[in-house]
PDB file of N, CA and C in Angstrom:
ATOM      1  N   MET A   1    -135.525   4.536 -50.709  1.00  0.00           N
ATOM      2  CA  MET A   1    -135.493   5.509 -51.708  1.00  0.00           C
ATOM      3  C   MET A   1    -134.148   5.791 -52.372  1.00  0.00           C
ATOM      4  N   LYS A   2    -134.274   5.908 -53.618  1.00  0.00           N
ATOM      5  CA  LYS A   2    -133.226   5.805 -54.448  1.00  0.00           C
ATOM      6  C   LYS A   2    -132.930   7.241 -54.976  1.00  0.00           C
ATOM      7  N   TYR A   3    -131.636   7.709 -54.673  1.00  0.00           N
ATOM      8  CA  TYR A   3    -131.321   9.282 -54.958  1.00  0.00           C
ATOM      9  C   TYR A   3    -130.351   9.199 -56.033  1.00  0.00           C
ATOM     10  N   PHE A   4    -130.606  10.107 -56.970  1.00  0.00           N
ATOM     11  CA  PHE A   4    -129.654  10.081 -58.211  1.00  0.00           C
ATOM     12  C   PHE A   4    -128.973  11.376 -58.331  1.00  0.00           C
ATOM     13  N   ILE A   5    -127.962  11.672 -58.902  1.00  0.00           N
ATOM     14  CA  ILE A   5    -127.202  12.553 -59.193  1.00  0.00           C
ATOM     15  C   ILE A   5    -127.658  13.409 -60.296  1.00  0.00           C
ATOM     16  N   TYR A   6    -128.374  14.216 -60.516  1.00  0.00           N
ATOM     17  CA  TYR A   6    -128.591  14.916 -61.767  1.00  0.00           C
ATOM     18  C   TYR A   6    -127.448  15.515 -62.662  1.00  0.00           C
ATOM     19  N   PRO A   7    -127.073  14.986 -63.818  1.00  0.00           N
ATOM     20  CA  PRO A   7    -126.375  15.297 -64.562  1.00  0.00           C
ATOM     21  C   PRO A   7    -125.882  16.395 -65.111  1.00  0.00           C
ATOM     22  N   THR A   8    -125.417  17.379 -64.451  1.00  0.00           N
ATOM     23  CA  THR A   8    -125.079  18.581 -64.882  1.00  0.00           C
ATOM     24  C   THR A   8    -123.433  18.704 -65.666  1.00  0.00           C
ATOM     25  N   ILE A   9    -123.460  19.293 -66.631  1.00  0.00           N
ATOM     26  CA  ILE A   9    -122.184  19.409 -67.563  1.00  0.00           C
ATOM     27  C   ILE A   9    -121.121  20.677 -66.893  1.00  0.00           C
ATOM     28  N   ASP A  10    -120.014  20.108 -66.763  1.00  0.00           N
ATOM     29  CA  ASP A  10    -118.897  21.206 -66.472  1.00  0.00           C
ATOM     30  C   ASP A  10    -118.265  21.841 -67.746  1.00  0.00           C
ATOM     31  N   MET A  11    -118.359  22.889 -68.558  1.00  0.00           N
ATOM     32  CA  MET A  11    -118.265  23.179 -69.711  1.00  0.00           C
ATOM     33  C   MET A  11    -116.734  23.376 -69.822  1.00  0.00           C
ATOM     34  N   LYS A  12    -115.907  23.878 -68.929  1.00  0.00           N
ATOM     35  CA  LYS A  12    -114.600  24.085 -68.640  1.00  0.00           C
ATOM     36  C   LYS A  12    -113.601  22.805 -68.889  1.00  0.00           C
ATOM     37  N   ALA A  13    -114.414  22.040 -67.648  1.00  0.00           N
ATOM     38  CA  ALA A  13    -113.602  20.661 -67.621  1.00  0.00           C
ATOM     39  C   ALA A  13    -113.940  19.937 -68.972  1.00  0.00           C
ATOM     40  N   THR A  14    -114.988  20.025 -69.829  1.00  0.00           N
ATOM     41  CA  THR A  14    -115.216  19.112 -70.758  1.00  0.00           C
ATOM     42  C   THR A  14    -114.519  19.668 -71.981  1.00  0.00           C
ATOM     43  N   GLY A  15    -114.203  20.978 -71.920  1.00  0.00           N
ATOM     44  CA  GLY A  15    -113.644  21.608 -73.268  1.00  0.00           C
ATOM     45  C   GLY A  15    -112.257  21.116 -73.218  1.00  0.00           C
ATOM     46  N   ALA A  16    -111.486  21.285 -71.581  1.00  0.00           N
ATOM     47  CA  ALA A  16    -110.130  20.581 -71.591  1.00  0.00           C
ATOM     48  C   ALA A  16    -110.128  19.002 -71.932  1.00  0.00           C
ATOM     49  N   TRP A  17    -110.982  18.306 -71.368  1.00  0.00           N
ATOM     50  CA  TRP A  17    -111.051  16.735 -71.735  1.00  0.00           C
ATOM     51  C   TRP A  17    -111.052  16.617 -72.968  1.00  0.00           C
ATOM     52  N   LEU A  18    -111.890  17.299 -73.910  1.00  0.00           N
ATOM     53  CA  LEU A  18    -112.106  17.224 -75.490  1.00  0.00           C
ATOM     54  C   LEU A  18    -110.695  17.395 -75.924  1.00  0.00           C
ATOM     55  N   ARG A  19    -109.975  18.524 -75.698  1.00  0.00           N
ATOM     56  CA  ARG A  19    -108.554  18.863 -75.952  1.00  0.00           C
ATOM     57  C   ARG A  19    -107.490  17.966 -75.522  1.00  0.00           C
ATOM     58  N   THR A  20    -107.713  17.239 -74.521  1.00  0.00           N
ATOM     59  CA  THR A  20    -106.763  16.568 -73.832  1.00  0.00           C
ATOM     60  C   THR A  20    -107.073  15.123 -74.817  1.00  0.00           C
ATOM     61  N   ILE A  21    -108.239  14.567 -75.211  1.00  0.00           N
ATOM     62  CA  ILE A  21    -108.159  13.363 -75.902  1.00  0.00           C
ATOM     63  C   ILE A  21    -107.826  13.753 -77.326  1.00  0.00           C
ATOM     64  N   CYS A  22    -108.079  14.928 -77.853  1.00  0.00           N
ATOM     65  CA  CYS A  22    -107.655  15.104 -79.119  1.00  0.00           C
ATOM     66  C   CYS A  22    -106.122  14.956 -79.317  1.00  0.00           C
ATOM     67  N   ARG A  23    -105.599  15.368 -78.319  1.00  0.00           N
ATOM     68  CA  ARG A  23    -103.914  15.597 -78.445  1.00  0.00           C
ATOM     69  C   ARG A  23    -103.469  14.352 -78.252  1.00  0.00           C
ATOM     70  N   ILE A  24    -104.080  13.534 -77.442  1.00  0.00           N
ATOM     71  CA  ILE A  24    -103.789  12.103 -77.322  1.00  0.00           C
ATOM     72  C   ILE A  24    -103.900  11.162 -78.553  1.00  0.00           C
ATOM     73  N   GLN A  25    -104.884  11.715 -79.294  1.00  0.00           N
ATOM     74  CA  GLN A  25    -105.031  10.918 -80.586  1.00  0.00           C
ATOM     75  C   GLN A  25    -104.365  11.753 -81.676  1.00  0.00           C
ATOM     76  N   ARG A  26    -103.732  12.718 -81.482  1.00  0.00           N
ATOM     77  CA  ARG A  26    -103.075  13.526 -82.520  1.00  0.00           C
ATOM     78  C   ARG A  26    -104.175  13.894 -83.659  1.00  0.00           C
ATOM     79  N   ILE A  27    -105.348  14.311 -82.845  1.00  0.00           N
ATOM     80  CA  ILE A  27    -106.158  15.304 -83.859  1.00  0.00           C
ATOM     81  C   ILE A  27    -106.449  16.595 -83.673  1.00  0.00           C
ATOM     82  N   SER A  28    -106.126  17.349 -84.661  1.00  0.00           N
ATOM     83  CA  SER A  28    -106.114  18.991 -84.608  1.00  0.00           C
ATOM     84  C   SER A  28    -107.369  19.399 -84.531  1.00  0.00           C
ATOM     85  N   ALA A  29    -107.700  20.796 -84.104  1.00  0.00           N
ATOM     86  CA  ALA A  29    -108.801  21.402 -84.204  1.00  0.00           C
ATOM     87  C   ALA A  29    -109.296  21.506 -85.518  1.00  0.00           C
ATOM     88  N   ARG A  30    -108.254  21.999 -86.408  1.00  0.00           N
ATOM     89  CA  ARG A  30    -108.711  21.879 -87.983  1.00  0.00           C
ATOM     90  C   ARG A  30    -109.090  20.484 -88.708  1.00  0.00           C
ATOM     91  N   MET A  31    -108.585  19.678 -88.220  1.00  0.00           N
ATOM     92  CA  MET A  31    -109.266  18.004 -88.531  1.00  0.00           C
ATOM     93  C   MET A  31    -110.478  18.055 -88.071  1.00  0.00           C
ATOM     94  N   ILE A  32    -110.987  18.482 -86.864  1.00  0.00           N
ATOM     95  CA  ILE A  32    -112.381  18.463 -86.402  1.00  0.00           C
ATOM     96  C   ILE A  32    -113.043  19.570 -87.257  1.00  0.00           C
ATOM     97  N   GLN A  33    -112.617  20.539 -87.493  1.00  0.00           N
ATOM     98  CA  GLN A  33    -113.275  21.666 -88.272  1.00  0.00           C
ATOM     99  C   GLN A  33    -113.854  21.032 -89.632  1.00  0.00           C
ATOM    100  N   GLU A  34    -113.024  20.166 -90.247  1.00  0.00           N
ATOM    101  CA  GLU A  34    -113.210  19.664 -91.739  1.00  0.00           C
ATOM    102  C   GLU A  34    -114.112  18.473 -91.499  1.00  0.00           C
ATOM    103  N   TYR A  35    -113.889  17.821 -90.397  1.00  0.00           N
ATOM    104  CA  TYR A  35    -114.584  16.738 -90.456  1.00  0.00           C
ATOM    105  C   TYR A  35    -116.184  16.807 -90.068  1.00  0.00           C
ATOM    106  N   LEU A  36    -116.592  17.932 -89.269  1.00  0.00           N
ATOM    107  CA  LEU A  36    -117.789  18.318 -89.059  1.00  0.00           C
ATOM    108  C   LEU A  36    -118.237  19.308 -90.153  1.00  0.00           C
ATOM    109  N   GLY A  37    -117.259  19.872 -90.987  1.00  0.00           N
ATOM    110  CA  GLY A  37    -118.055  20.734 -92.169  1.00  0.00           C
ATOM    111  C   GLY A  37    -118.241  22.057 -91.356  1.00  0.00           C
ATOM    112  N   LEU A  38    -117.518  22.630 -90.361  1.00  0.00           N
ATOM    113  CA  LEU A  38    -117.727  23.970 -89.633  1.00  0.00           C
ATOM    114  C   LEU A  38    -117.085  25.174 -90.710  1.00  0.00           C
ATOM    115  N   ALA A  39    -117.788  26.156 -90.648  1.00  0.00           N
ATOM    116  CA  ALA A  39    -117.046  27.432 -91.178  1.00  0.00           C
ATOM    117  C   ALA A  39    -115.976  27.789 -90.878  1.00  0.00           C
ATOM    118  N   SER A  40    -115.473  27.737 -89.449  1.00  0.00           N
ATOM    119  CA  SER A  40    -114.354  28.207 -89.032  1.00  0.00           C
ATOM    120  C   SER A  40    -113.975  27.264 -87.998  1.00  0.00           C
ATOM    121  N   VAL A  41    -112.481  27.237 -87.588  1.00  0.00           N
ATOM    122  CA  VAL A  41    -111.919  26.400 -86.687  1.00  0.00           C
ATOM    123  C   VAL A  41    -112.294  27.072 -85.300  1.00  0.00           C
ATOM    124  N   GLN A  42    -112.487  28.362 -85.227  1.00  0.00           N
ATOM    125  CA  GLN A  42    -112.587  29.190 -84.187  1.00  0.00           C
ATOM    126  C   GLN A  42    -113.756  28.382 -83.016  1.00  0.00           C
ATOM    127  N   SER A  43    -115.025  27.622 -83.677  1.00  0.00           N
ATOM    128  CA  SER A  43    -116.058  27.056 -82.707  1.00  0.00           C
ATOM    129  C   SER A  43    -115.373  25.829 -81.962  1.00  0.00           C
ATOM    130  N   VAL A  44    -114.336  25.163 -82.512  1.00  0.00           N
ATOM    131  CA  VAL A  44    -113.698  24.024 -81.853  1.00  0.00           C
ATOM    132  C   VAL A  44    -112.671  24.703 -80.844  1.00  0.00           C
ATOM    133  N   TYR A  45    -111.944  25.668 -81.015  1.00  0.00           N
ATOM    134  CA  TYR A  45    -111.098  26.512 -80.114  1.00  0.00           C
ATOM    135  C   TYR A  45    -112.040  26.634 -78.775  1.00  0.00           C
ATOM    136  N   ASP A  46    -113.558  27.288 -79.144  1.00  0.00           N
ATOM    137  CA  ASP A  46    -114.277  27.671 -78.068  1.00  0.00           C
ATOM    138  C   ASP A  46    -114.657  26.698 -77.291  1.00  0.00           C
ATOM    139  N   TRP A  47    -114.857  25.401 -77.866  1.00  0.00           N
ATOM    140  CA  TRP A  47    -115.167  24.207 -77.209  1.00  0.00           C
ATOM    141  C   TRP A  47    -114.110  23.705 -76.294  1.00  0.00           C
ATOM    142  N   PHE A  48    -112.643  23.826 -76.916  1.00  0.00           N
ATOM    143  CA  PHE A  48    -111.715  23.592 -75.840  1.00  0.00           C
ATOM    144  C   PHE A  48    -111.524  24.383 -74.780  1.00  0.00           C
ATOM    145  N   HIS A  49    -111.828  25.745 -75.020  1.00  0.00           N
ATOM    146  CA  HIS A  49    -111.540  26.524 -73.836  1.00  0.00           C
ATOM    147  C   HIS A  49    -112.998  26.881 -73.015  1.00  0.00           C
ATOM    148  N   GLY A  50    -113.837  25.843 -73.138  1.00  0.00           N
ATOM    149  CA  GLY A  50    -114.919  25.849 -72.258  1.00  0.00           C
ATOM    150  C   GLY A  50    -116.036  26.889 -72.553  1.00  0.00           C
ATOM    151  N   LYS A  51    -115.593  27.935 -73.297  1.00  0.00           N
ATOM    152  CA  LYS A  51    -116.905  28.984 -73.810  1.00  0.00           C
ATOM    153  C   LYS A  51    -117.933  28.520 -74.142  1.00  0.00           C
ATOM    154  N   THR A  52    -118.142  27.251 -74.994  1.00  0.00           N
ATOM    155  CA  THR A  52    -119.508  26.601 -75.479  1.00  0.00           C
ATOM    156  C   THR A  52    -119.235  25.321 -75.604  1.00  0.00           C
ATOM    157  N   LEU A  53    -120.176  24.752 -75.711  1.00  0.00           N
ATOM    158  CA  LEU A  53    -120.346  23.231 -76.113  1.00  0.00           C
ATOM    159  C   LEU A  53    -120.643  22.760 -77.430  1.00  0.00           C
ATOM    160  N   PRO A  54    -120.308  21.637 -77.925  1.00  0.00           N
ATOM    161  CA  PRO A  54    -120.866  21.327 -79.184  1.00  0.00           C
ATOM    162  C   PRO A  54    -122.226  21.102 -79.401  1.00  0.00           C
ATOM    163  N   SER A  55    -123.010  21.229 -80.272  1.00  0.00           N
ATOM    164  CA  SER A  55    -124.343  20.907 -80.515  1.00  0.00           C
ATOM    165  C   SER A  55    -124.579  19.556 -80.194  1.00  0.00           C
ATOM    166  N   LEU A  56    -125.687  18.929 -80.225  1.00  0.00           N
ATOM    167  CA  LEU A  56    -125.976  17.513 -80.013  1.00  0.00           C
ATOM    168  C   LEU A  56    -125.259  16.588 -81.172  1.00  0.00           C
ATOM    169  N   GLU A  57    -125.686  17.416 -82.406  1.00  0.00           N
ATOM    170  CA  GLU A  57    -125.051  16.524 -83.555  1.00  0.00           C
ATOM    171  C   GLU A  57    -123.785  16.484 -83.774  1.00  0.00           C
ATOM    172  N   ASN A  58    -123.067  17.655 -83.450  1.00  0.00           N
ATOM    173  CA  ASN A  58    -121.821  17.913 -83.301  1.00  0.00           C
ATOM    174  C   ASN A  58    -121.199  16.706 -82.416  1.00  0.00           C
ATOM    175  N   MET A  59    -121.306  16.813 -81.304  1.00  0.00           N
ATOM    176  CA  MET A  59    -120.819  15.967 -79.993  1.00  0.00           C
ATOM    177  C   MET A  59    -120.846  14.673 -80.027  1.00  0.00           C
ATOM    178  N   CYS A  60    -122.068  14.028 -81.146  1.00  0.00           N
ATOM    179  CA  CYS A  60    -122.083  12.629 -81.652  1.00  0.00           C
ATOM    180  C   CYS A  60    -121.430  12.604 -82.706  1.00  0.00           C
ATOM    181  N   ALA A  61    -121.003  13.494 -83.585  1.00  0.00           N
ATOM    182  CA  ALA A  61    -120.124  12.935 -84.652  1.00  0.00           C
ATOM    183  C   ALA A  61    -118.853  13.068 -83.907  1.00  0.00           C
ATOM    184  N   LEU A  62    -118.350  13.805 -83.128  1.00  0.00           N
ATOM    185  CA  LEU A  62    -117.082  13.864 -82.260  1.00  0.00           C
ATOM    186  C   LEU A  62    -116.899  12.489 -81.670  1.00  0.00           C
ATOM    187  N   GLY A  63    -118.049  12.097 -81.190  1.00  0.00           N
ATOM    188  CA  GLY A  63    -117.924  10.690 -80.267  1.00  0.00           C
ATOM    189  C   GLY A  63    -117.255   9.389 -81.652  1.00  0.00           C
ATOM    190  N   ARG A  64    -117.744   9.685 -82.603  1.00  0.00           N
ATOM    191  CA  ARG A  64    -117.433   8.819 -83.790  1.00  0.00           C
ATOM    192  C   ARG A  64    -116.151   8.901 -84.153  1.00  0.00           C
ATOM    193  N   LEU A  65    -115.646  10.503 -84.273  1.00  0.00           N
ATOM    194  CA  LEU A  65    -114.464  10.687 -84.814  1.00  0.00           C
ATOM    195  C   LEU A  65    -113.613   9.981 -83.477  1.00  0.00           C
ATOM    196  N   LEU A  66    -113.715  10.534 -82.278  1.00  0.00           N
ATOM    197  CA  LEU A  66    -112.488   9.833 -81.156  1.00  0.00           C
ATOM    198  C   LEU A  66    -113.079   8.755 -80.864  1.00  0.00           C
ATOM    199  N   GLU A  67    -113.847   7.832 -81.160  1.00  0.00           N
ATOM    200  CA  GLU A  67    -114.256   6.425 -80.967  1.00  0.00           C
ATOM    201  C   GLU A  67    -114.581   6.196 -79.239  1.00  0.00           C
ATOM    202  N   MET A  68    -115.392   7.210 -79.062  1.00  0.00           N
ATOM    203  CA  MET A  68    -115.853   7.340 -77.569  1.00  0.00           C
ATOM    204  C   MET A  68    -117.087   7.537 -77.561  1.00  0.00           C
ATOM    205  N   PRO A  69    -118.030   7.039 -76.415  1.00  0.00           N
ATOM    206  CA  PRO A  69    -119.315   7.224 -76.461  1.00  0.00           C
ATOM    207  C   PRO A  69    -119.570   8.832 -75.845  1.00  0.00           C
ATOM    208  N   VAL A  70    -120.596   9.740 -76.280  1.00  0.00           N
ATOM    209  CA  VAL A  70    -120.766  10.789 -75.827  1.00  0.00           C
ATOM    210  C   VAL A  70    -120.692  10.870 -74.309  1.00  0.00           C
ATOM    211  N   GLU A  71    -121.072   9.888 -73.712  1.00  0.00           N
ATOM    212  CA  GLU A  71    -121.273  10.209 -72.180  1.00  0.00           C
ATOM    213  C   GLU A  71    -119.680  10.241 -71.588  1.00  0.00           C
ATOM    214  N   ARG A  72    -118.845   9.630 -72.302  1.00  0.00           N
ATOM    215  CA  ARG A  72    -117.321   9.921 -71.731  1.00  0.00           C
ATOM    216  C   ARG A  72    -116.684  11.080 -72.274  1.00  0.00           C
ATOM    217  N   LEU A  73    -117.384  11.621 -73.467  1.00  0.00           N
ATOM    218  CA  LEU A  73    -116.842  13.097 -73.746  1.00  0.00           C
ATOM    219  C   LEU A  73    -117.132  14.294 -72.712  1.00  0.00           C
ATOM    220  N   LEU A  74    -118.170  14.094 -71.963  1.00  0.00           N
ATOM    221  CA  LEU A  74    -118.638  15.178 -71.335  1.00  0.00           C
ATOM    222  C   LEU A  74    -118.517  15.091 -69.651  1.00  0.00           C
ATOM    223  N   ILE A  75    -117.885  15.749 -69.109  1.00  0.00           N
ATOM    224  CA  ILE A  75    -117.390  15.994 -67.893  1.00  0.00           C
ATOM    225  C   ILE A  75    -118.299  16.742 -67.061  1.00  0.00           C
ATOM    226  N   GLY A  76    -118.903  15.775 -65.770  1.00  0.00           N
ATOM    227  CA  GLY A  76    -120.023  16.453 -65.139  1.00  0.00           C
ATOM    228  C   GLY A  76    -119.210  17.328 -64.047  1.00  0.00           C
ATOM    229  N   LYS A  77    -120.381  17.808 -63.337  1.00  0.00           N
ATOM    230  CA  LYS A  77    -119.765  18.653 -62.088  1.00  0.00           C
ATOM    231  C   LYS A  77    -119.144  18.064 -60.963  1.00  0.00           C
ATOM    232  N   LEU A  78    -119.212  16.573 -61.105  1.00  0.00           N
ATOM    233  CA  LEU A  78    -118.241  16.132 -60.196  1.00  0.00           C
ATOM    234  C   LEU A  78    -117.006  15.599 -60.402  1.00  0.00           C
ATOM    235  N   GLY A  79    -116.530  16.301 -61.721  1.00  0.00           N
ATOM    236  CA  GLY A  79    -115.276  16.085 -62.169  1.00  0.00           C
ATOM    237  C   GLY A  79    -114.729  14.709 -62.882  1.00  0.00           C
ATOM    238  N   ALA A  80    -116.160  13.841 -63.367  1.00  0.00           N
ATOM    239  CA  ALA A  80    -115.723  12.672 -63.925  1.00  0.00           C
ATOM    240  C   ALA A  80    -116.691  12.483 -65.213  1.00  0.00           C
ATOM    241  N   PRO A  81    -116.582  12.085 -66.165  1.00  0.00           N
ATOM    242  CA  PRO A  81    -117.480  11.617 -67.367  1.00  0.00           C
ATOM    243  C   PRO A  81    -118.760  11.262 -66.995  1.00  0.00           C
ATOM    244  N   LEU A  82    -120.036  11.950 -67.680  1.00  0.00           N
ATOM    245  CA  LEU A  82    -120.981  11.685 -67.019  1.00  0.00           C
ATOM    246  C   LEU A  82    -121.850  10.183 -67.194  1.00  0.00           C
ATOM    247  N   GLU A  83    -121.102   9.160 -67.648  1.00  0.00           N
ATOM    248  CA  GLU A  83    -121.174   7.879 -67.691  1.00  0.00           C
ATOM    249  C   GLU A  83    -120.899   7.241 -66.112  1.00  0.00           C
ATOM    250  N   TRP A  84    -120.175   8.130 -65.409  1.00  0.00           N
ATOM    251  CA  TRP A  84    -119.820   7.747 -64.274  1.00  0.00           C
ATOM    252  C   TRP A  84    -120.600   8.079 -62.774  1.00  0.00           C
ATOM    253  N   HIS A  85    -121.639   9.350 -63.406  1.00  0.00           N
ATOM    254  CA  HIS A  85    -122.623   9.820 -62.393  1.00  0.00           C
ATOM    255  C   HIS A  85    -123.791   8.810 -61.908  1.00  0.00           C
ATOM    256  N   VAL A  86    -123.603   8.337 -60.926  1.00  0.00           N
ATOM    257  CA  VAL A  86    -124.687   7.151 -60.501  1.00  0.00           C
ATOM    258  C   VAL A  86    -125.114   7.434 -59.264  1.00  0.00           C
ATOM    259  N   ARG A  87    -126.038   6.620 -58.735  1.00  0.00           N
ATOM    260  CA  ARG A  87    -126.590   6.779 -57.226  1.00  0.00           C
ATOM    261  C   ARG A  87    -125.542   7.200 -56.298  1.00  0.00           C
ATOM    262  N   LEU A  88    -126.174   7.975 -55.350  1.00  0.00           N
ATOM    263  CA  LEU A  88    -125.034   8.767 -54.463  1.00  0.00           C
ATOM    264  C   LEU A  88    -124.358   7.656 -53.722  1.00  0.00           C
ATOM    265  N   GLU A  89    -124.811   6.421 -53.386  1.00  0.00           N
ATOM    266  CA  GLU A  89    -124.096   5.555 -52.647  1.00  0.00           C
ATOM    267  C   GLU A  89    -123.138   4.898 -53.338  1.00  0.00           C
ATOM    268  N   ASN A  90    -123.156   4.690 -54.648  1.00  0.00           N
ATOM    269  CA  ASN A  90    -121.760   4.161 -55.254  1.00  0.00           C
ATOM    270  C   ASN A  90    -120.821   5.091 -56.206  1.00  0.00           C
ATOM    271  N   ARG A  91    -121.094   6.337 -55.755  1.00  0.00           N
ATOM    272  CA  ARG A  91    -120.161   7.414 -56.349  1.00  0.00           C
ATOM    273  C   ARG A  91    -118.872   7.231 -56.270  1.00  0.00           C
ATOM    274  N   GLN A  92    -118.649   6.806 -54.746  1.00  0.00           N
ATOM    275  CA  GLN A  92    -117.211   6.557 -54.696  1.00  0.00           C
ATOM    276  C   GLN A  92    -116.260   5.483 -55.264  1.00  0.00           C
ATOM    277  N   ARG A  93    -117.282   4.171 -55.314  1.00  0.00           N
ATOM    278  CA  ARG A  93    -116.845   3.219 -56.384  1.00  0.00           C
ATOM    279  C   ARG A  93    -116.843   3.457 -57.604  1.00  0.00           C
ATOM    280  N   ALA A  94    -117.576   4.436 -58.100  1.00  0.00           N
ATOM    281  CA  ALA A  94    -117.409   4.539 -59.644  1.00  0.00           C
ATOM    282  C   ALA A  94    -116.277   5.444 -59.870  1.00  0.00           C
ATOM    283  N   LEU A  95    -115.871   6.497 -59.080  1.00  0.00           N
ATOM    284  CA  LEU A  95    -114.857   7.347 -58.998  1.00  0.00           C
ATOM    285  C   LEU A  95    -113.409   6.199 -59.050  1.00  0.00           C
ATOM    286  N   LEU A  96    -113.567   5.338 -58.161  1.00  0.00           N
ATOM    287  CA  LEU A  96    -112.596   4.866 -58.359  1.00  0.00           C
ATOM    288  C   LEU A  96    -112.072   3.748 -59.574  1.00  0.00           C
ATOM    289  N   GLN A  97    -113.281   3.286 -59.988  1.00  0.00           N
ATOM    290  CA  GLN A  97    -113.355   2.715 -61.260  1.00  0.00           C
ATOM    291  C   GLN A  97    -112.675   3.541 -62.402  1.00  0.00           C
ATOM    292  N   TYR A  98    -113.031   4.600 -62.416  1.00  0.00           N
ATOM    293  CA  TYR A  98    -112.713   5.569 -63.477  1.00  0.00           C
ATOM    294  C   TYR A  98    -111.287   5.933 -63.230  1.00  0.00           C
ATOM    295  N   GLU A  99    -110.960   5.955 -62.006  1.00  0.00           N
ATOM    296  CA  GLU A  99    -109.394   6.489 -61.778  1.00  0.00           C
ATOM    297  C   GLU A  99    -108.437   5.195 -62.278  1.00  0.00           C
ATOM    298  N   LYS A 100    -108.893   3.767 -62.045  1.00  0.00           N
ATOM    299  CA  LYS A 100    -108.134   2.837 -62.516  1.00  0.00           C
ATOM    300  C   LYS A 100    -108.257   2.672 -64.030  1.00  0.00           C
ATOM    301  N   LYS A 101    -109.290   3.120 -64.757  1.00  0.00           N
ATOM    302  CA  LYS A 101    -109.038   3.028 -66.398  1.00  0.00           C
ATOM    303  C   LYS A 101    -108.152   4.271 -66.790  1.00  0.00           C
ATOM    304  N   LEU A 102    -108.210   5.328 -66.105  1.00  0.00           N
ATOM    305  CA  LEU A 102    -107.027   6.304 -66.035  1.00  0.00           C
ATOM    306  C   LEU A 102    -105.523   6.145 -66.208  1.00  0.00           C
ATOM    307  N   LEU A 103    -105.481   5.097 -64.928  1.00  0.00           N
ATOM    308  CA  LEU A 103    -104.315   4.504 -64.835  1.00  0.00           C
ATOM    309  C   LEU A 103    -103.871   3.457 -65.661  1.00  0.00           C
ATOM    310  N   ARG A 104    -104.495   2.925 -66.492  1.00  0.00           N
ATOM    311  CA  ARG A 104    -104.403   1.974 -67.677  1.00  0.00           C
ATOM    312  C   ARG A 104    -103.872   2.529 -68.948  1.00  0.00           C
ATOM    313  N   TYR A 105    -103.819   4.167 -68.795  1.00  0.00           N
ATOM    314  CA  TYR A 105    -103.327   4.743 -69.640  1.00  0.00           C
ATOM    315  C   TYR A 105    -101.932   4.547 -70.201  1.00  0.00           C
ATOM    316  N   ASN A 106    -101.872   4.013 -71.664  1.00  0.00           N
ATOM    317  CA  ASN A 106    -100.405   3.504 -72.193  1.00  0.00           C
ATOM    318  C   ASN A 106     -99.916   4.149 -72.927  1.00  0.00           C
ATOM    319  N   LEU A 107     -98.610   4.948 -72.083  1.00  0.00           N
ATOM    320  CA  LEU A 107     -97.921   5.970 -72.635  1.00  0.00           C
ATOM    321  C   LEU A 107     -97.299   5.665 -73.699  1.00  0.00           C
ATOM    322  N   ASN A 108     -96.900   4.569 -73.753  1.00  0.00           N
ATOM    323  CA  ASN A 108     -95.859   4.085 -75.210  1.00  0.00           C
ATOM    324  C   ASN A 108     -96.618   4.485 -76.340  1.00  0.00           C
ATOM    325  N   ASP A 109     -98.104   3.971 -76.741  1.00  0.00           N
ATOM    326  CA  ASP A 109     -98.624   3.985 -77.978  1.00  0.00           C
ATOM    327  C   ASP A 109     -99.761   5.100 -78.024  1.00  0.00           C
ATOM    328  N   ASN A 110     -99.557   5.948 -76.964  1.00  0.00           N
ATOM    329  CA  ASN A 110    -100.658   6.992 -76.620  1.00  0.00           C
ATOM    330  C   ASN A 110    -102.066   6.714 -77.197  1.00  0.00           C
ATOM    331  N   SER A 111    -102.693   5.576 -76.586  1.00  0.00           N
ATOM    332  CA  SER A 111    -104.139   4.856 -76.675  1.00  0.00           C
ATOM    333  C   SER A 111    -104.545   4.862 -75.274  1.00  0.00           C
ATOM    334  N   ILE A 112    -105.996   4.716 -75.131  1.00  0.00           N
ATOM    335  CA  ILE A 112    -106.662   4.692 -73.682  1.00  0.00           C
ATOM    336  C   ILE A 112    -106.921   3.227 -73.965  1.00  0.00           C
ATOM    337  N   LEU A 113    -106.510   2.557 -73.122  1.00  0.00           N
ATOM    338  CA  LEU A 113    -107.404   1.178 -73.094  1.00  0.00           C
ATOM    339  C   LEU A 113    -108.449   0.876 -72.314  1.00  0.00           C
ATOM    340  N   VAL A 114    -109.561   0.725 -72.913  1.00  0.00           N
ATOM    341  CA  VAL A 114    -110.965   0.672 -72.543  1.00  0.00           C
ATOM    342  C   VAL A 114    -111.324  -0.666 -71.707  1.00  0.00           C
ATOM    343  N   VAL A 115    -111.614  -1.011 -70.754  1.00  0.00           N
ATOM    344  CA  VAL A 115    -111.747  -2.161 -69.903  1.00  0.00           C
ATOM    345  C   VAL A 115    -113.239  -2.613 -70.219  1.00  0.00           C
TER     346      VAL A 115
END
């Protein structure tokens, strides 16, 4: 029998992760507002603080802007991006792989190397 972890989204962690990615890539909330054509920058700050999540359409556009798949932008209740929510027996291995990717963060040029 196969067991799967239902992917639930952690809004606060996702907001903090979005804010971190934007800081790394030097993308301001104002730039996101303009890119998405939002009426107010407050929506972006609400995302960053975990009060709300972007709509699916805005999340897809953010993925393009940040050059990351949507699954990597969303943090699940396990504390890892949704792309790493896998069968229970592979959970530990997936989290270790995720940790290795994070350790490959290059501080000199402020970019994340994707393996």
